[in-house]
Amino acid sequence: REQFGAAVDVGMIDSRLDPGCPATAVAATITSQRPIGPYLFRSYQLPPGSRDLFPGGSTYSWLEAMRASSAAPYFFEEF
């Protein structure tokens, strides 16, 4: 938080209200399930009726997405 400021607490989907902010996905790995697989933290919603190739969501803050993509597995509790 100290390095990135208050922006990390903003919801990823909320950042799309800024026309200068591109659609972004942050990739992480689900390690609590076997086989392990990807999870995409998105700053956008998929179009209605489109097929989701990877599990993911847009209801997370930037801090949650960064933490999930960079934390050592099993070091932090899941959220």
N, C-alpha and C. Protein backbone atom coordinates (compact mmCIF):
# COMPACT_ATOMS: atom_id res chain seq x y z
N ARG A 1 0.82 -1.20 0.00
CA ARG A 1 0.00 0.00 0.00
C ARG A 1 0.85 1.25 0.00
N GLU A 2 1.90 1.20 0.78
CA GLU A 2 2.74 2.39 0.89
C GLU A 2 3.40 2.73 -0.45
N GLN A 3 3.75 1.72 -1.21
CA GLN A 3 4.44 1.96 -2.48
C GLN A 3 3.49 2.36 -3.60
N PHE A 4 2.26 1.85 -3.56
CA PHE A 4 1.34 2.09 -4.67
C PHE A 4 0.27 3.11 -4.37
N GLY A 5 0.06 3.44 -3.11
CA GLY A 5 -0.93 4.45 -2.75
C GLY A 5 -2.34 3.89 -2.66
N ALA A 6 -3.30 4.79 -2.56
CA ALA A 6 -4.70 4.42 -2.37
C ALA A 6 -5.31 3.69 -3.55
N ALA A 7 -4.69 3.76 -4.71
CA ALA A 7 -5.24 3.13 -5.92
C ALA A 7 -5.36 1.62 -5.77
N VAL A 8 -4.54 1.01 -4.92
CA VAL A 8 -4.60 -0.44 -4.79
C VAL A 8 -5.87 -0.92 -4.10
N ASP A 9 -6.54 -0.05 -3.38
CA ASP A 9 -7.78 -0.43 -2.71
C ASP A 9 -9.01 -0.27 -3.60
N VAL A 10 -8.82 0.30 -4.76
CA VAL A 10 -9.93 0.48 -5.72
C VAL A 10 -10.25 -0.87 -6.34
N GLY A 11 -11.54 -1.12 -6.53
CA GLY A 11 -11.94 -2.35 -7.20
C GLY A 11 -11.45 -2.35 -8.64
N MET A 12 -11.03 -3.50 -9.11
CA MET A 12 -10.51 -3.57 -10.48
C MET A 12 -11.54 -3.10 -11.50
N ILE A 13 -12.80 -3.51 -11.32
CA ILE A 13 -13.85 -3.12 -12.26
C ILE A 13 -14.11 -1.62 -12.19
N ASP A 14 -13.92 -1.01 -11.02
CA ASP A 14 -14.14 0.42 -10.87
C ASP A 14 -13.11 1.25 -11.64
N SER A 15 -11.94 0.69 -11.85
CA SER A 15 -10.91 1.44 -12.59
C SER A 15 -11.30 1.63 -14.05
N ARG A 16 -12.24 0.84 -14.54
CA ARG A 16 -12.68 0.99 -15.93
C ARG A 16 -13.50 2.26 -16.14
N LEU A 17 -13.89 2.90 -15.06
CA LEU A 17 -14.60 4.18 -15.19
C LEU A 17 -13.68 5.27 -15.71
N ASP A 18 -12.38 5.07 -15.56
CA ASP A 18 -11.38 6.00 -16.08
C ASP A 18 -11.12 5.64 -17.54
N PRO A 19 -11.45 6.53 -18.48
CA PRO A 19 -11.26 6.20 -19.90
C PRO A 19 -9.80 5.96 -20.28
N GLY A 20 -8.87 6.41 -19.47
CA GLY A 20 -7.45 6.20 -19.77
C GLY A 20 -6.91 4.89 -19.24
N CYS A 21 -7.73 4.12 -18.55
CA CYS A 21 -7.28 2.86 -17.95
C CYS A 21 -7.66 1.70 -18.87
N PRO A 22 -6.70 0.94 -19.35
CA PRO A 22 -7.02 -0.16 -20.26
C PRO A 22 -7.61 -1.35 -19.50
N ALA A 23 -8.28 -2.22 -20.23
CA ALA A 23 -8.74 -3.48 -19.66
C ALA A 23 -7.51 -4.30 -19.32
N THR A 24 -7.50 -4.85 -18.10
CA THR A 24 -6.32 -5.54 -17.60
C THR A 24 -6.72 -6.86 -16.96
N ALA A 25 -5.85 -7.86 -17.09
CA ALA A 25 -6.02 -9.13 -16.40
C ALA A 25 -4.73 -9.45 -15.67
N VAL A 26 -4.85 -9.92 -14.44
CA VAL A 26 -3.71 -10.34 -13.64
C VAL A 26 -3.85 -11.84 -13.44
N ALA A 27 -2.85 -12.60 -13.86
CA ALA A 27 -2.91 -14.06 -13.77
C ALA A 27 -2.36 -14.54 -12.44
N ALA A 28 -3.05 -15.50 -11.85
CA ALA A 28 -2.61 -16.16 -10.63
C ALA A 28 -2.87 -17.65 -10.80
N THR A 29 -2.48 -18.42 -9.81
CA THR A 29 -2.66 -19.86 -9.86
C THR A 29 -3.46 -20.32 -8.66
N ILE A 30 -4.45 -21.17 -8.91
CA ILE A 30 -5.21 -21.77 -7.82
C ILE A 30 -4.43 -23.00 -7.36
N THR A 31 -3.83 -22.90 -6.19
CA THR A 31 -3.00 -24.00 -5.70
C THR A 31 -3.72 -24.89 -4.69
N SER A 32 -4.92 -24.49 -4.28
CA SER A 32 -5.64 -25.27 -3.29
C SER A 32 -6.46 -26.39 -3.92
N GLN A 33 -6.45 -26.49 -5.23
CA GLN A 33 -7.18 -27.53 -5.94
C GLN A 33 -6.22 -28.32 -6.81
N ARG A 34 -6.55 -29.55 -7.06
CA ARG A 34 -5.75 -30.38 -7.97
C ARG A 34 -6.62 -30.79 -9.13
N PRO A 35 -6.19 -30.71 -10.34
CA PRO A 35 -4.92 -30.14 -10.73
C PRO A 35 -4.94 -28.62 -10.56
N ILE A 36 -3.75 -28.04 -10.35
CA ILE A 36 -3.68 -26.59 -10.21
C ILE A 36 -4.06 -25.96 -11.54
N GLY A 37 -4.55 -24.75 -11.48
CA GLY A 37 -4.98 -24.09 -12.71
C GLY A 37 -4.93 -22.59 -12.57
N PRO A 38 -5.13 -21.89 -13.68
CA PRO A 38 -5.06 -20.43 -13.67
C PRO A 38 -6.33 -19.80 -13.11
N TYR A 39 -6.18 -18.57 -12.64
CA TYR A 39 -7.30 -17.74 -12.22
C TYR A 39 -6.99 -16.33 -12.69
N LEU A 40 -7.92 -15.70 -13.38
CA LEU A 40 -7.69 -14.35 -13.90
C LEU A 40 -8.48 -13.31 -13.11
N PHE A 41 -7.76 -12.37 -12.54
CA PHE A 41 -8.35 -11.21 -11.90
C PHE A 41 -8.52 -10.18 -13.02
N ARG A 42 -9.75 -9.79 -13.30
CA ARG A 42 -10.03 -8.93 -14.46
C ARG A 42 -10.52 -7.55 -14.04
N SER A 43 -10.18 -6.56 -14.85
CA SER A 43 -10.72 -5.22 -14.64
C SER A 43 -11.91 -4.98 -15.57
N TYR A 44 -12.45 -6.04 -16.11
CA TYR A 44 -13.56 -5.96 -17.06
C TYR A 44 -14.46 -7.17 -16.86
N GLN A 45 -15.67 -7.06 -17.38
CA GLN A 45 -16.58 -8.19 -17.37
C GLN A 45 -16.63 -8.78 -18.78
N LEU A 46 -16.83 -10.06 -18.86
CA LEU A 46 -16.95 -10.70 -20.16
C LEU A 46 -18.28 -10.33 -20.79
N PRO A 47 -18.34 -10.24 -22.12
CA PRO A 47 -19.61 -9.93 -22.77
C PRO A 47 -20.66 -11.01 -22.48
N PRO A 48 -21.92 -10.63 -22.39
CA PRO A 48 -22.97 -11.62 -22.12
C PRO A 48 -22.94 -12.74 -23.17
N GLY A 49 -23.06 -13.95 -22.70
CA GLY A 49 -23.09 -15.10 -23.60
C GLY A 49 -21.74 -15.61 -24.04
N SER A 50 -20.66 -14.92 -23.67
CA SER A 50 -19.34 -15.39 -24.07
C SER A 50 -18.88 -16.52 -23.15
N ARG A 51 -18.03 -17.36 -23.68
CA ARG A 51 -17.53 -18.50 -22.92
C ARG A 51 -16.27 -18.10 -22.17
N ASP A 52 -16.24 -18.41 -20.89
CA ASP A 52 -15.10 -18.10 -20.05
C ASP A 52 -14.09 -19.24 -20.15
N LEU A 53 -12.92 -18.98 -20.74
CA LEU A 53 -11.92 -20.03 -20.91
C LEU A 53 -11.19 -20.35 -19.61
N PHE A 54 -11.08 -19.36 -18.73
CA PHE A 54 -10.39 -19.54 -17.45
C PHE A 54 -11.27 -18.98 -16.34
N PRO A 55 -11.27 -19.61 -15.17
CA PRO A 55 -12.02 -19.02 -14.06
C PRO A 55 -11.42 -17.66 -13.70
N GLY A 56 -12.26 -16.79 -13.20
CA GLY A 56 -11.78 -15.48 -12.81
C GLY A 56 -12.90 -14.60 -12.33
N GLY A 57 -12.57 -13.35 -12.03
CA GLY A 57 -13.57 -12.42 -11.56
C GLY A 57 -13.07 -10.99 -11.61
N SER A 58 -14.02 -10.08 -11.44
CA SER A 58 -13.70 -8.65 -11.50
C SER A 58 -14.13 -7.93 -10.23
N THR A 59 -14.37 -8.67 -9.17
CA THR A 59 -14.86 -8.07 -7.93
C THR A 59 -13.76 -7.83 -6.90
N TYR A 60 -12.52 -7.96 -7.31
CA TYR A 60 -11.38 -7.84 -6.39
C TYR A 60 -10.71 -6.47 -6.50
N SER A 61 -10.00 -6.10 -5.46
CA SER A 61 -9.21 -4.87 -5.51
C SER A 61 -7.88 -5.18 -6.20
N TRP A 62 -7.20 -4.14 -6.61
CA TRP A 62 -5.88 -4.32 -7.23
C TRP A 62 -4.91 -4.97 -6.26
N LEU A 63 -5.01 -4.60 -4.98
CA LEU A 63 -4.12 -5.18 -3.97
C LEU A 63 -4.33 -6.69 -3.85
N GLU A 64 -5.57 -7.13 -3.84
CA GLU A 64 -5.85 -8.56 -3.77
C GLU A 64 -5.29 -9.29 -4.98
N ALA A 65 -5.43 -8.70 -6.16
CA ALA A 65 -4.91 -9.34 -7.37
C ALA A 65 -3.39 -9.41 -7.36
N MET A 66 -2.75 -8.32 -6.95
CA MET A 66 -1.28 -8.32 -6.89
C MET A 66 -0.78 -9.31 -5.85
N ARG A 67 -1.45 -9.36 -4.73
CA ARG A 67 -1.03 -10.28 -3.67
C ARG A 67 -1.19 -11.73 -4.12
N ALA A 68 -2.29 -12.04 -4.77
CA ALA A 68 -2.53 -13.42 -5.22
C ALA A 68 -1.56 -13.84 -6.31
N SER A 69 -1.11 -12.91 -7.12
CA SER A 69 -0.23 -13.28 -8.23
C SER A 69 1.23 -13.37 -7.81
N SER A 70 1.57 -12.79 -6.66
CA SER A 70 2.98 -12.76 -6.29
C SER A 70 3.31 -13.47 -4.98
N ALA A 71 2.30 -13.86 -4.23
CA ALA A 71 2.54 -14.49 -2.93
C ALA A 71 2.98 -15.94 -3.10
N ALA A 72 3.83 -16.38 -2.20
CA ALA A 72 4.23 -17.79 -2.19
C ALA A 72 3.00 -18.63 -1.81
N PRO A 73 2.74 -19.71 -2.53
CA PRO A 73 1.57 -20.53 -2.20
C PRO A 73 1.60 -20.98 -0.74
N TYR A 74 0.46 -20.96 -0.12
CA TYR A 74 0.25 -21.38 1.26
C TYR A 74 0.86 -20.45 2.29
N PHE A 75 1.50 -19.36 1.88
CA PHE A 75 2.08 -18.43 2.85
C PHE A 75 1.01 -17.55 3.46
N PHE A 76 0.08 -17.09 2.61
CA PHE A 76 -1.04 -16.27 3.08
C PHE A 76 -2.31 -17.10 3.06
N GLU A 77 -3.26 -16.70 3.90
CA GLU A 77 -4.57 -17.34 3.86
C GLU A 77 -5.28 -16.94 2.58
N GLU A 78 -6.13 -17.84 2.08
CA GLU A 78 -6.93 -17.52 0.91
C GLU A 78 -7.96 -16.46 1.26
N PHE A 79 -8.39 -15.69 0.26
CA PHE A 79 -9.43 -14.69 0.50
C PHE A 79 -10.52 -14.85 -0.52
